[in-house]
Amino acid sequence: MNLLSELTPKRRAFLTGTLLLTGSGLACRVLGFFYRIFLSRTIGAEGLGLYNMIHPIFGVCFALCAGSIQTALSQLIASNAARGRKIFQAGLSISLCMSLTLAILICRYADVLATYVLMEPQCAPYLPLMGISVPFAALHACINGYYYGMQRSRVPAFSQIAEQVIRMALVFFLADTWIASGHVVTVHLAVLGHLIGEVASAAFTFLSMCLFPPQRQDRQSIVQAAHLAGHLLPFYEELAPLMALALPLMGNRLVLNILASAEAVWIPGCLKLSGLTGPDAFAIYGVLTGMALPFILFPSAITNSMAVLLLPTVAKAQAEGQKSSITASISVSLRYSLYMGILCIGIFVLFGDSLGISVFHDQDAGRFIQILAWLCPFLYLATTMGSILNGLGKTRTTFLQNTAALLLRICFVLLGIPHFGIMAYLWGMLISELTLALMHLWSLKQLVDFTWNAWEMIVKPAALLMVAVGIHYFLSGIHPSFGGLPPFIDTAIRISFFVFCYGGLLLVFHFSRKDA
């Protein structure tokens, strides 16, 4: 309580929001793991690969009608809280019109999209359900953007949990019903689960907005200003400033999603050129995207929460000319992204093989996790630094740099996979994320004079990680196993102790430095 009371209201709101989003994000990741384990054992690695091939269509639609408008809403409302509701209405009207149009097109031309865009006719039966989910995703995104802009993260946080819980409950029920009636469970169940999740999150956020509309802590001044603005400006007058922010983001995200979609479509094809059969190519792709990557992305619940809240916070600080606040945000984000990324290298290199086998019963999953472990620091850095750049209005910079990183990865797909298999793609991911993180840092350094201490942010946590690794091996020699426990529980206990050692060492050195 004493620590929180010493923080300024803005820092307290940011910290509280980050912790709330992080907690809900971690809860969703845990639930999502159980869901992916269920899918992997129900539809198999090949089914997961096919399911993940459908997502590029949804990703492109979301970039067009939802993601960019959510970011623009968050940024514009953060600096114009008095007109928040009018801005939200403008964004929602555009988003819903676009999303409904896209949903109709997907349903009508599912066969064409599957054959000529995804280059996999097997995807056609699943695209209409994916298309129907787009308007619900748009509604959910706009409401979340409204809450983020008003720096109220409770509803978006709980909507993630509601989405996962409702999806899992209904999918498990449907699977049991289908199996009991003798029906074969296919990819159709996974796509239906996606639709259920989007409907659930949209319904939850819409009901929450009706019952608990977003308001700032300085409620009286905002309400009075909003009341005056509401009589003077109909919401359509907010369209121009909103679209001025959204259109560049929309173009950027559209290009990036098209490139990412091309990458997803080309990977199975290039795997076939390397000598694999069609089912084997989909199986390898499913293991990578449906089993290994979810483990690597699990800790990113923390950095994603920071990124979501950093954008409106930095945008507001820039509007108010508070350079010191921006500098502090960059330094803190940089430090803790590296702390966490270095820890994750240790976790996934040491325990990746055990996790892949104990959770998914797949040796390849464990091998991919160990290789992708080195991705973590750069992935987390790129996420937070990119959000700060967007908050500073440098969307063109982040777009060009993300495009360059994606093109680099696609080169590994087209030129490397046919000769070296999936390993070429793994190395391409590592090199592209390293390049992206360095480009983001260089661009921020040109804009803001933030503190960069390589000893504190890299050398010290890396040294403490090695000490924690030594403690782990020493104790493993004394006590090889927790006899009788399932393999996953045994591994989870070891990971928890490893994290405790690393975190404890960081705290000891932190407080010893302060005392000195």
Protein backbone atom coordinates (compact mmCIF):
# COMPACT_ATOMS: atom_id res chain seq x y z
CA MET A 1 0.00 0.00 0.00
CA ASN A 2 2.86 2.42 0.82
CA LEU A 3 4.45 1.76 -2.54
CA LEU A 4 1.21 2.36 -4.43
CA SER A 5 0.48 5.52 -2.45
CA GLU A 6 3.84 6.99 -3.50
CA LEU A 7 2.99 6.62 -7.20
CA THR A 8 1.35 9.39 -9.17
CA PRO A 9 -2.27 8.72 -10.25
CA LYS A 10 -1.13 8.18 -13.86
CA ARG A 11 1.57 5.69 -12.89
CA ARG A 12 -0.81 3.97 -10.50
CA ALA A 13 -3.44 3.65 -13.24
CA PHE A 14 -0.86 2.28 -15.67
CA LEU A 15 0.53 -0.21 -13.14
CA THR A 16 -2.94 -1.33 -12.06
CA GLY A 17 -4.08 -1.71 -15.66
CA THR A 18 -0.95 -3.66 -16.61
CA LEU A 19 -1.34 -6.01 -13.64
CA LEU A 20 -5.02 -6.53 -14.40
CA LEU A 21 -4.46 -7.23 -18.09
CA THR A 22 -1.47 -9.41 -17.28
CA GLY A 23 -3.43 -11.45 -14.75
CA SER A 24 -6.31 -11.97 -17.15
CA GLY A 25 -3.89 -12.64 -19.99
CA LEU A 26 -2.05 -15.30 -18.02
CA ALA A 27 -5.35 -16.87 -16.97
CA CYS A 28 -6.41 -16.95 -20.63
CA ARG A 29 -3.09 -18.46 -21.67
CA VAL A 30 -3.50 -21.22 -19.07
CA LEU A 31 -7.05 -21.90 -20.26
CA GLY A 32 -5.86 -21.69 -23.85
CA PHE A 33 -3.21 -24.33 -23.17
CA PHE A 34 -5.83 -26.77 -21.97
CA TYR A 35 -7.92 -25.91 -25.02
CA ARG A 36 -4.99 -26.49 -27.40
CA ILE A 37 -4.09 -29.74 -25.68
CA PHE A 38 -7.69 -30.83 -26.19
CA LEU A 39 -7.63 -29.82 -29.87
CA SER A 40 -4.27 -31.47 -30.51
CA ARG A 41 -5.60 -34.76 -29.13
CA THR A 42 -8.98 -34.38 -30.84
CA ILE A 43 -8.19 -33.17 -34.36
CA GLY A 44 -4.45 -33.98 -34.36
CA ALA A 45 -1.42 -32.03 -35.60
CA GLU A 46 -2.63 -32.16 -39.21
CA GLY A 47 -6.01 -30.72 -38.17
CA LEU A 48 -4.28 -27.95 -36.23
CA GLY A 49 -2.24 -27.09 -39.30
CA LEU A 50 -5.36 -26.87 -41.47
CA TYR A 51 -7.16 -24.78 -38.83
CA ASN A 52 -4.24 -22.34 -38.64
CA MET A 53 -4.27 -21.97 -42.42
CA ILE A 54 -7.79 -20.48 -42.25
CA HIS A 55 -6.78 -17.67 -39.91
CA PRO A 56 -5.03 -15.50 -42.55
CA ILE A 57 -8.46 -14.60 -43.99
CA PHE A 58 -9.71 -13.57 -40.56
CA GLY A 59 -6.46 -11.70 -39.88
CA VAL A 60 -6.78 -9.59 -43.03
CA CYS A 61 -10.43 -8.78 -42.25
CA PHE A 62 -9.60 -7.88 -38.65
CA ALA A 63 -6.82 -5.56 -39.82
CA LEU A 64 -9.23 -3.80 -42.16
CA CYS A 65 -12.27 -3.30 -39.96
CA ALA A 66 -11.25 -3.75 -36.32
CA GLY A 67 -7.60 -3.71 -35.21
CA SER A 68 -6.66 -0.38 -36.77
CA ILE A 69 -9.88 1.30 -35.62
CA GLN A 70 -9.39 0.00 -32.07
CA THR A 71 -5.89 1.49 -31.95
CA ALA A 72 -7.10 4.81 -33.39
CA LEU A 73 -10.00 4.93 -30.91
CA SER A 74 -7.65 4.27 -28.00
CA GLN A 75 -5.19 6.94 -29.12
CA LEU A 76 -7.76 9.64 -30.01
CA ILE A 77 -9.95 9.13 -26.94
CA ALA A 78 -6.89 9.22 -24.66
CA SER A 79 -6.13 12.77 -25.80
CA ASN A 80 -9.80 13.88 -26.19
CA ALA A 81 -11.63 12.26 -23.27
CA ALA A 82 -14.46 14.80 -23.33
CA ARG A 83 -15.52 13.59 -26.80
CA GLY A 84 -14.89 9.92 -26.04
CA ARG A 85 -18.42 8.65 -26.61
CA LYS A 86 -18.83 10.50 -29.92
CA ILE A 87 -15.48 9.20 -31.15
CA PHE A 88 -16.50 5.67 -30.14
CA GLN A 89 -19.81 5.93 -32.02
CA ALA A 90 -18.00 7.10 -35.14
CA GLY A 91 -15.50 4.26 -34.98
CA LEU A 92 -18.15 1.64 -34.29
CA SER A 93 -20.33 2.72 -37.22
CA ILE A 94 -17.42 2.43 -39.67
CA SER A 95 -16.18 -0.83 -38.21
CA LEU A 96 -19.56 -2.59 -38.29
CA CYS A 97 -20.32 -1.50 -41.85
CA MET A 98 -16.98 -2.80 -43.09
CA SER A 99 -17.14 -6.03 -41.08
CA LEU A 100 -20.64 -6.93 -42.28
CA THR A 101 -19.57 -6.38 -45.89
CA LEU A 102 -16.50 -8.57 -45.45
CA ALA A 103 -18.54 -11.31 -43.75
CA ILE A 104 -20.96 -11.45 -46.69
CA LEU A 105 -18.09 -11.62 -49.19
CA ILE A 106 -16.35 -14.45 -47.31
CA CYS A 107 -19.54 -16.50 -47.10
CA ARG A 108 -20.34 -15.94 -50.78
CA TYR A 109 -16.87 -16.62 -52.18
CA ALA A 110 -15.56 -19.26 -49.74
CA ASP A 111 -14.63 -21.69 -52.53
CA VAL A 112 -12.75 -19.04 -54.50
CA LEU A 113 -10.82 -17.87 -51.42
CA ALA A 114 -9.89 -21.41 -50.42
CA THR A 115 -8.75 -22.44 -53.89
CA TYR A 116 -7.01 -19.31 -55.20
CA VAL A 117 -5.97 -17.41 -52.05
CA LEU A 118 -5.24 -20.09 -49.44
CA MET A 119 -4.36 -22.59 -52.20
CA GLU A 120 -6.02 -25.34 -50.19
CA PRO A 121 -9.57 -26.34 -51.24
CA GLN A 122 -10.03 -28.25 -47.97
CA CYS A 123 -10.42 -24.87 -46.20
CA ALA A 124 -13.62 -23.91 -48.08
CA PRO A 125 -16.21 -25.50 -45.73
CA TYR A 126 -14.76 -23.68 -42.72
CA LEU A 127 -14.51 -20.15 -44.13
CA PRO A 128 -18.20 -19.13 -43.72
CA LEU A 129 -18.06 -19.68 -39.95
CA MET A 130 -14.83 -17.67 -39.83
CA GLY A 131 -16.53 -14.90 -41.84
CA ILE A 132 -19.54 -14.72 -39.52
CA SER A 133 -17.18 -14.09 -36.60
CA VAL A 134 -15.76 -10.88 -38.14
CA PRO A 135 -18.59 -8.45 -37.12
CA PHE A 136 -18.50 -9.77 -33.54
CA ALA A 137 -14.73 -9.27 -33.44
CA ALA A 138 -15.20 -5.71 -34.73
CA LEU A 139 -17.74 -4.87 -32.03
CA HIS A 140 -15.49 -6.32 -29.34
CA ALA A 141 -12.43 -4.42 -30.64
CA CYS A 142 -14.19 -1.04 -30.76
CA ILE A 143 -15.55 -1.34 -27.23
CA ASN A 144 -12.10 -2.35 -25.97
CA GLY A 145 -10.56 0.65 -27.75
CA TYR A 146 -13.06 2.90 -25.95
CA TYR A 147 -12.13 1.48 -22.56
CA TYR A 148 -8.37 1.57 -23.24
CA GLY A 149 -8.60 5.19 -24.36
CA MET A 150 -10.34 6.09 -21.10
CA GLN A 151 -7.63 4.09 -19.27
CA ARG A 152 -10.18 1.64 -17.88
CA SER A 153 -8.87 -1.85 -18.54
CA ARG A 154 -11.14 -3.93 -16.30
CA VAL A 155 -13.81 -4.79 -18.89
CA PRO A 156 -11.32 -5.69 -21.68
CA ALA A 157 -9.39 -7.84 -19.20
CA PHE A 158 -12.42 -9.80 -18.02
CA SER A 159 -13.75 -10.13 -21.56
CA GLN A 160 -10.71 -12.24 -22.43
CA ILE A 161 -11.52 -14.65 -19.61
CA ALA A 162 -15.23 -14.75 -20.52
CA GLU A 163 -14.33 -15.54 -24.12
CA GLN A 164 -12.07 -18.45 -23.16
CA VAL A 165 -14.38 -19.94 -20.53
CA ILE A 166 -17.50 -19.85 -22.73
CA ARG A 167 -15.61 -21.18 -25.77
CA MET A 168 -14.08 -24.07 -23.83
CA ALA A 169 -17.33 -25.01 -22.07
CA LEU A 170 -19.36 -25.11 -25.29
CA VAL A 171 -16.67 -26.82 -27.38
CA PHE A 172 -16.14 -29.52 -24.75
CA PHE A 173 -19.90 -30.03 -24.58
CA LEU A 174 -20.21 -30.24 -28.38
CA ALA A 175 -17.29 -32.66 -28.64
CA ASP A 176 -18.80 -34.98 -26.04
CA THR A 177 -22.18 -34.80 -27.78
CA TRP A 178 -20.72 -35.53 -31.22
CA ILE A 179 -18.58 -38.41 -29.98
CA ALA A 180 -21.53 -39.91 -28.06
CA SER A 181 -23.68 -39.76 -31.21
CA GLY A 182 -20.96 -41.42 -33.32
CA HIS A 183 -19.88 -38.34 -35.30
CA VAL A 184 -16.20 -37.81 -36.14
CA VAL A 185 -14.73 -34.63 -34.58
CA THR A 186 -12.99 -32.59 -37.29
CA VAL A 187 -11.52 -29.11 -37.85
CA HIS A 188 -15.13 -27.89 -37.98
CA LEU A 189 -15.21 -28.02 -34.17
CA ALA A 190 -12.15 -25.75 -33.84
CA VAL A 191 -13.62 -23.19 -36.27
CA LEU A 192 -16.95 -23.29 -34.46
CA GLY A 193 -15.03 -22.68 -31.22
CA HIS A 194 -13.48 -19.56 -32.77
CA LEU A 195 -16.94 -18.22 -33.64
CA ILE A 196 -18.27 -19.03 -30.16
CA GLY A 197 -15.38 -17.13 -28.57
CA GLU A 198 -15.91 -14.00 -30.69
CA VAL A 199 -19.67 -13.98 -29.99
CA ALA A 200 -19.03 -14.43 -26.26
CA SER A 201 -16.49 -11.60 -26.01
CA ALA A 202 -18.68 -9.24 -28.05
CA ALA A 203 -21.73 -9.99 -25.89
CA PHE A 204 -19.75 -9.57 -22.67
CA THR A 205 -18.21 -6.22 -23.62
CA PHE A 206 -21.48 -4.85 -25.01
CA LEU A 207 -23.40 -5.78 -21.86
CA SER A 208 -20.60 -4.35 -19.70
CA MET A 209 -20.64 -1.07 -21.61
CA CYS A 210 -24.39 -0.78 -21.04
CA LEU A 211 -24.05 -1.47 -17.32
CA PHE A 212 -20.64 0.08 -16.57
CA PRO A 213 -19.82 2.79 -19.15
CA PRO A 214 -16.16 3.84 -19.15
CA GLN A 215 -15.45 6.96 -17.07
CA ARG A 216 -12.31 8.61 -15.81
CA GLN A 217 -11.51 9.25 -12.17
CA ASP A 218 -11.96 12.99 -12.70
CA ARG A 219 -15.57 12.17 -13.41
CA GLN A 220 -17.29 15.52 -12.87
CA SER A 221 -15.16 17.55 -15.26
CA ILE A 222 -15.33 14.90 -17.95
CA VAL A 223 -19.07 14.44 -17.66
CA GLN A 224 -19.69 18.18 -17.87
CA ALA A 225 -17.43 18.59 -20.90
CA ALA A 226 -18.92 15.57 -22.61
CA HIS A 227 -22.43 16.89 -21.99
CA LEU A 228 -21.54 20.16 -23.70
CA ALA A 229 -19.77 18.40 -26.59
CA GLY A 230 -22.72 16.09 -27.07
CA HIS A 231 -25.01 19.01 -27.81
CA LEU A 232 -22.61 20.69 -30.20
CA LEU A 233 -21.11 17.84 -32.24
CA PRO A 234 -22.96 14.86 -33.73
CA PHE A 235 -20.74 11.81 -33.82
CA TYR A 236 -20.16 11.89 -37.57
CA GLU A 237 -18.04 15.03 -37.14
CA GLU A 238 -15.51 12.80 -35.36
CA LEU A 239 -15.08 10.64 -38.47
CA ALA A 240 -12.41 12.82 -40.09
CA PRO A 241 -9.91 12.93 -37.18
CA LEU A 242 -10.56 9.28 -36.39
CA MET A 243 -9.99 8.10 -39.95
CA ALA A 244 -6.93 10.32 -40.24
CA LEU A 245 -5.41 8.12 -37.54
CA ALA A 246 -7.04 4.84 -38.59
CA LEU A 247 -6.32 4.85 -42.34
CA PRO A 248 -2.51 4.76 -42.09
CA LEU A 249 -2.81 2.04 -39.43
CA MET A 250 -5.30 0.21 -41.62
CA GLY A 251 -3.00 0.30 -44.62
CA ASN A 252 -0.04 -0.74 -42.52
CA ARG A 253 -1.86 -3.64 -40.87
CA LEU A 254 -3.38 -4.74 -44.16
CA VAL A 255 0.02 -5.00 -45.85
CA LEU A 256 1.50 -6.77 -42.82
CA ASN A 257 -1.39 -9.22 -42.61
CA ILE A 258 -1.22 -9.95 -46.34
CA LEU A 259 2.49 -10.69 -45.98
CA ALA A 260 1.87 -12.82 -42.88
CA SER A 261 -0.95 -14.61 -44.69
CA ALA A 262 1.30 -15.29 -47.67
CA GLU A 263 3.88 -16.70 -45.29
CA ALA A 264 1.31 -19.00 -43.67
CA VAL A 265 0.07 -20.21 -47.05
CA TRP A 266 3.56 -20.79 -48.46
CA ILE A 267 5.01 -22.72 -45.49
CA PRO A 268 3.08 -25.99 -46.12
CA GLY A 269 3.77 -25.70 -49.86
CA CYS A 270 7.50 -25.20 -49.31
CA LEU A 271 7.54 -28.11 -46.85
CA LYS A 272 6.13 -30.29 -49.62
CA LEU A 273 8.98 -29.11 -51.89
CA SER A 274 11.44 -30.24 -49.19
CA GLY A 275 10.17 -33.81 -49.66
CA LEU A 276 7.29 -34.10 -47.19
CA THR A 277 3.87 -35.41 -48.13
CA GLY A 278 0.81 -33.16 -47.79
CA PRO A 279 -0.37 -34.63 -44.44
CA ASP A 280 3.18 -34.53 -43.04
CA ALA A 281 3.59 -30.89 -44.10
CA PHE A 282 0.34 -29.91 -42.37
CA ALA A 283 1.36 -31.94 -39.31
CA ILE A 284 4.73 -30.15 -38.99
CA TYR A 285 3.03 -26.78 -39.50
CA GLY A 286 0.43 -27.71 -36.87
CA VAL A 287 3.11 -28.73 -34.35
CA LEU A 288 4.92 -25.43 -34.85
CA THR A 289 1.95 -23.07 -34.80
CA GLY A 290 -0.42 -25.03 -32.58
CA MET A 291 2.00 -26.52 -30.03
CA ALA A 292 5.46 -24.90 -29.89
CA LEU A 293 4.62 -21.23 -30.53
CA PRO A 294 1.85 -21.07 -27.87
CA PHE A 295 4.49 -21.96 -25.25
CA ILE A 296 6.86 -19.26 -26.52
CA LEU A 297 4.05 -16.70 -26.63
CA PHE A 298 2.68 -17.60 -23.19
CA PRO A 299 4.83 -15.07 -21.24
CA SER A 300 3.98 -12.38 -23.79
CA ALA A 301 0.71 -11.89 -21.88
CA ILE A 302 2.77 -9.47 -19.76
CA THR A 303 4.39 -7.55 -22.63
CA ASN A 304 1.14 -7.48 -24.62
CA SER A 305 -0.63 -5.93 -21.62
CA MET A 306 2.12 -3.35 -21.32
CA ALA A 307 1.94 -2.62 -25.05
CA VAL A 308 -1.83 -2.12 -25.06
CA LEU A 309 -1.64 0.37 -22.19
CA LEU A 310 1.59 2.04 -23.30
CA LEU A 311 0.07 3.38 -26.52
CA PRO A 312 -2.61 5.64 -24.98
CA THR A 313 -0.32 6.51 -22.05
CA VAL A 314 2.51 7.65 -24.32
CA ALA A 315 0.08 9.42 -26.67
CA LYS A 316 -1.38 11.38 -23.75
CA ALA A 317 2.07 12.21 -22.35
CA GLN A 318 3.15 13.49 -25.77
CA ALA A 319 0.00 15.61 -26.10
CA GLU A 320 0.74 17.15 -22.69
CA GLY A 321 4.45 17.62 -23.45
CA GLN A 322 5.60 15.32 -20.64
CA LYS A 323 8.89 14.03 -22.08
CA SER A 324 10.07 12.68 -18.73
CA SER A 325 7.02 10.41 -18.58
CA ILE A 326 7.78 9.03 -22.04
CA THR A 327 11.42 8.44 -21.11
CA ALA A 328 10.40 6.61 -17.94
CA SER A 329 7.93 4.42 -19.85
CA ILE A 330 10.61 3.41 -22.35
CA SER A 331 13.24 2.64 -19.70
CA VAL A 332 10.90 0.57 -17.53
CA SER A 333 9.48 -1.35 -20.52
CA LEU A 334 12.96 -2.02 -21.87
CA ARG A 335 14.30 -3.28 -18.55
CA TYR A 336 11.47 -5.66 -17.74
CA SER A 337 11.08 -6.95 -21.31
CA LEU A 338 14.74 -8.01 -21.21
CA TYR A 339 14.47 -9.43 -17.68
CA MET A 340 11.54 -11.60 -18.74
CA GLY A 341 13.00 -12.52 -22.13
CA ILE A 342 16.27 -13.73 -20.60
CA LEU A 343 14.35 -15.77 -18.02
CA CYS A 344 12.29 -17.39 -20.78
CA ILE A 345 15.44 -18.44 -22.63
CA GLY A 346 16.47 -20.39 -19.54
CA ILE A 347 13.03 -21.93 -19.03
CA PHE A 348 12.46 -23.08 -22.60
CA VAL A 349 16.02 -24.30 -23.25
CA LEU A 350 16.08 -26.30 -20.00
CA PHE A 351 12.53 -27.58 -20.00
CA GLY A 352 11.34 -27.29 -23.63
CA ASP A 353 11.81 -30.95 -24.42
CA SER A 354 9.96 -32.05 -21.26
CA LEU A 355 7.12 -29.62 -21.97
CA GLY A 356 6.65 -30.79 -25.56
CA ILE A 357 6.55 -34.46 -24.60
CA SER A 358 4.53 -34.17 -21.37
CA VAL A 359 1.89 -31.81 -22.77
CA PHE A 360 1.53 -32.72 -26.45
CA HIS A 361 3.31 -36.11 -26.55
CA ASP A 362 5.35 -34.82 -29.48
CA GLN A 363 9.16 -34.82 -29.69
CA ASP A 364 9.17 -32.19 -32.46
CA ALA A 365 7.21 -29.76 -30.28
CA GLY A 366 9.89 -29.93 -27.58
CA ARG A 367 12.68 -29.45 -30.13
CA PHE A 368 10.95 -26.41 -31.66
CA ILE A 369 10.40 -24.88 -28.19
CA GLN A 370 14.11 -25.16 -27.37
CA ILE A 371 15.14 -23.50 -30.63
CA LEU A 372 12.53 -20.73 -30.42
CA ALA A 373 13.53 -19.96 -26.81
CA TRP A 374 16.15 -17.54 -28.15
CA LEU A 375 13.34 -15.58 -29.80
CA CYS A 376 11.87 -14.40 -26.48
CA PRO A 377 13.89 -11.24 -25.58
CA PHE A 378 13.63 -9.83 -29.11
CA LEU A 379 9.93 -10.70 -29.44
CA TYR A 380 9.04 -8.98 -26.16
CA LEU A 381 11.22 -5.96 -26.93
CA ALA A 382 9.71 -5.51 -30.39
CA THR A 383 6.18 -5.67 -28.94
CA THR A 384 6.64 -2.96 -26.30
CA MET A 385 8.95 -0.68 -28.30
CA GLY A 386 6.66 -0.85 -31.32
CA SER A 387 3.69 0.19 -29.19
CA ILE A 388 5.63 3.19 -27.86
CA LEU A 389 6.57 4.22 -31.39
CA ASN A 390 2.90 4.04 -32.39
CA GLY A 391 1.96 6.09 -29.34
CA LEU A 392 4.46 8.75 -30.45
CA GLY A 393 2.74 8.87 -33.84
CA LYS A 394 5.50 7.02 -35.72
CA THR A 395 3.17 4.50 -37.34
CA ARG A 396 4.99 4.83 -40.67
CA THR A 397 8.25 3.85 -39.00
CA THR A 398 6.79 0.77 -37.32
CA PHE A 399 5.08 -0.22 -40.56
CA LEU A 400 8.27 -0.07 -42.63
CA GLN A 401 10.28 -1.91 -40.01
CA ASN A 402 7.66 -4.64 -39.52
CA THR A 403 7.42 -5.03 -43.30
CA ALA A 404 11.19 -5.40 -43.58
CA ALA A 405 11.21 -8.07 -40.84
CA LEU A 406 8.37 -10.00 -42.49
CA LEU A 407 10.01 -9.88 -45.91
CA LEU A 408 13.20 -11.21 -44.36
CA ARG A 409 11.26 -14.11 -42.83
CA ILE A 410 9.49 -14.83 -46.13
CA CYS A 411 12.90 -15.08 -47.81
CA PHE A 412 13.76 -17.88 -45.39
CA VAL A 413 10.43 -19.55 -46.21
CA LEU A 414 10.82 -19.44 -50.00
CA LEU A 415 14.56 -19.96 -50.25
CA GLY A 416 15.38 -21.97 -47.14
CA ILE A 417 12.53 -24.40 -46.40
CA PRO A 418 12.70 -26.30 -49.75
CA HIS A 419 16.37 -27.12 -49.01
CA PHE A 420 16.62 -27.26 -45.20
CA GLY A 421 13.04 -27.98 -44.07
CA ILE A 422 11.30 -26.30 -41.15
CA MET A 423 14.63 -25.44 -39.49
CA ALA A 424 15.12 -22.68 -42.07
CA TYR A 425 11.89 -21.05 -40.92
CA LEU A 426 12.88 -21.26 -37.25
CA TRP A 427 16.17 -19.51 -37.95
CA GLY A 428 14.32 -16.97 -40.07
CA MET A 429 12.04 -16.14 -37.14
CA LEU A 430 15.01 -15.61 -34.83
CA ILE A 431 16.91 -13.37 -37.24
CA SER A 432 13.85 -11.31 -38.24
CA GLU A 433 12.77 -10.64 -34.63
CA LEU A 434 16.31 -9.64 -33.67
CA THR A 435 16.41 -7.25 -36.63
CA LEU A 436 13.00 -5.79 -35.77
CA ALA A 437 13.86 -5.22 -32.10
CA LEU A 438 17.11 -3.44 -33.01
CA MET A 439 15.37 -1.24 -35.58
CA HIS A 440 12.66 -0.23 -33.07
CA LEU A 441 15.29 0.62 -30.44
CA TRP A 442 17.35 2.65 -32.90
CA SER A 443 14.26 4.64 -33.99
CA LEU A 444 13.23 5.35 -30.39
CA LYS A 445 16.74 6.49 -29.54
CA GLN A 446 16.49 9.09 -32.32
CA LEU A 447 13.27 10.44 -30.79
CA VAL A 448 13.73 10.17 -27.03
CA ASP A 449 16.86 10.25 -24.90
CA PHE A 450 16.09 7.25 -22.70
CA THR A 451 18.49 5.38 -20.42
CA TRP A 452 20.20 2.31 -21.84
CA ASN A 453 22.42 0.38 -19.42
CA ALA A 454 23.69 -2.85 -20.98
CA TRP A 455 25.17 -4.04 -17.69
CA GLU A 456 21.92 -3.66 -15.76
CA MET A 457 19.58 -4.83 -18.51
CA ILE A 458 21.53 -7.67 -20.17
CA VAL A 459 24.74 -8.73 -18.42
CA LYS A 460 23.36 -8.83 -14.87
CA PRO A 461 20.17 -10.81 -15.62
CA ALA A 462 22.11 -13.17 -17.90
CA ALA A 463 24.67 -13.81 -15.13
CA LEU A 464 21.91 -14.38 -12.57
CA LEU A 465 20.22 -16.75 -15.01
CA MET A 466 23.39 -18.83 -15.18
CA VAL A 467 23.51 -18.93 -11.37
CA ALA A 468 19.88 -20.14 -11.33
CA VAL A 469 20.76 -22.79 -13.94
CA GLY A 470 23.64 -23.96 -11.72
CA ILE A 471 21.31 -24.20 -8.70
CA HIS A 472 18.85 -26.20 -10.82
CA TYR A 473 21.47 -28.73 -11.95
CA PHE A 474 22.90 -29.04 -8.42
CA LEU A 475 19.50 -29.79 -6.91
CA SER A 476 18.57 -32.10 -9.80
CA GLY A 477 21.64 -34.17 -8.98
CA ILE A 478 20.54 -34.44 -5.35
CA HIS A 479 16.82 -34.93 -6.03
CA PRO A 480 16.27 -36.22 -9.62
CA SER A 481 12.46 -36.34 -9.48
CA PHE A 482 9.39 -35.74 -7.36
CA GLY A 483 8.47 -39.46 -7.62
CA GLY A 484 4.96 -40.44 -8.47
CA LEU A 485 3.88 -37.13 -9.97
CA PRO A 486 2.73 -36.84 -13.61
CA PRO A 487 5.55 -35.60 -15.90
CA PHE A 488 3.91 -32.24 -16.57
CA ILE A 489 3.39 -31.52 -12.85
CA ASP A 490 6.99 -32.51 -12.14
CA THR A 491 8.20 -30.14 -14.87
CA ALA A 492 5.92 -27.33 -13.66
CA ILE A 493 7.33 -27.61 -10.12
CA ARG A 494 10.88 -27.41 -11.45
CA ILE A 495 10.05 -24.39 -13.60
CA SER A 496 8.41 -22.65 -10.63
CA PHE A 497 11.50 -23.20 -8.49
CA PHE A 498 13.74 -21.99 -11.32
CA VAL A 499 11.67 -18.80 -11.70
CA PHE A 500 11.77 -18.30 -7.91
CA CYS A 501 15.60 -18.55 -7.93
CA TYR A 502 15.99 -16.10 -10.80
CA GLY A 503 13.44 -13.61 -9.44
CA GLY A 504 14.90 -13.86 -5.94
CA LEU A 505 18.41 -13.16 -7.19
CA LEU A 506 17.17 -10.13 -9.14
CA LEU A 507 15.43 -8.76 -6.04
CA VAL A 508 18.49 -9.33 -3.85
CA PHE A 509 20.76 -7.44 -6.24
CA HIS A 510 18.16 -4.70 -6.73
CA PHE A 511 17.76 -3.97 -3.03
CA SER A 512 21.47 -4.36 -2.30
CA ARG A 513 22.19 -1.70 -4.92
CA LYS A 514 19.59 0.64 -3.40
CA ASP A 515 21.05 0.15 0.09
CA ALA A 516 24.51 0.89 -1.24
